[in-house]
Amino acid sequence: AGSERKSRLLKPQERERVAFHEMGHALVAVARRSADPVHKVSIIPRSIGALGFTMQRPTEDRFLITVSELKDRMVVLMGGRAAEEIIFGEVSTGAADDLAKVTDIARQCVTRFGMDPTVGQAVLEEQRLQWLGDGPGLPNKKDYSEATAREVDLAVRGMIEEAFASAKDVLRARITDLRAGAKLLLEKETLTPDDFAPLRRTAELAPAT
């Protein structure tokens, strides 16, 4: 996540937006069954340019990822943007990195892993992306028609919109926790698993979406 940059001063309104954004990621992560556990949530700006972060840590080594697990990753990534829209009525540029990651996952699901029923199971693009643990990203290798390209674009957009809608559903059902968590994050700036535990329990008791 980079080193802390406490010298970077945010306006109160920006700081509040970042708190809701990060709490959106965290609460969605708790609500999705296959998402990795939340280890830390922070609104202290980082040296890499991030204004905050939500850190998740897997409980075990994984060598295979199912389609439902990939979709849960996408929903968690859209949690920050969803929280901003719910609380402030509009989104910001703060989700740019999240959108890049979720687009990478969706495109790989469609073109590399054969996980879209409309496009089918043929491998259409060969690509290595760091986000899924394959090492440095390489250019796409495309060899398909314009009609198939349109199908791919529609499938990718559909997966992203579905993830965004699911994230909003989670947060609307947990709006009290979202507000309480953002308030706590504004007070403490960084939340550990112990700090986050009360919110985790209430989210886990609620029906999963």
Foldseek 3Di string as FASTA:
>chain_A
DAAFDQVDDDDPVVLLLLLLLQLQLQLLQLQQPLHAHWFKWFQGAHPVGQRIHTDGDHPDDDDDDDPSNLLSLLLSLLRSQLSCCVPVVHGDCNSVVSVVLLLVSQLCCVQPQQNDPVLGGHRAWDWAPPSVPRDHTDDIDGDDDPVSVVVSVVSSVVSNVVSNVLSNVLCVVVVVLSVVSSVVCVVPRMDGCVNCVVSSVVSNVDHRD
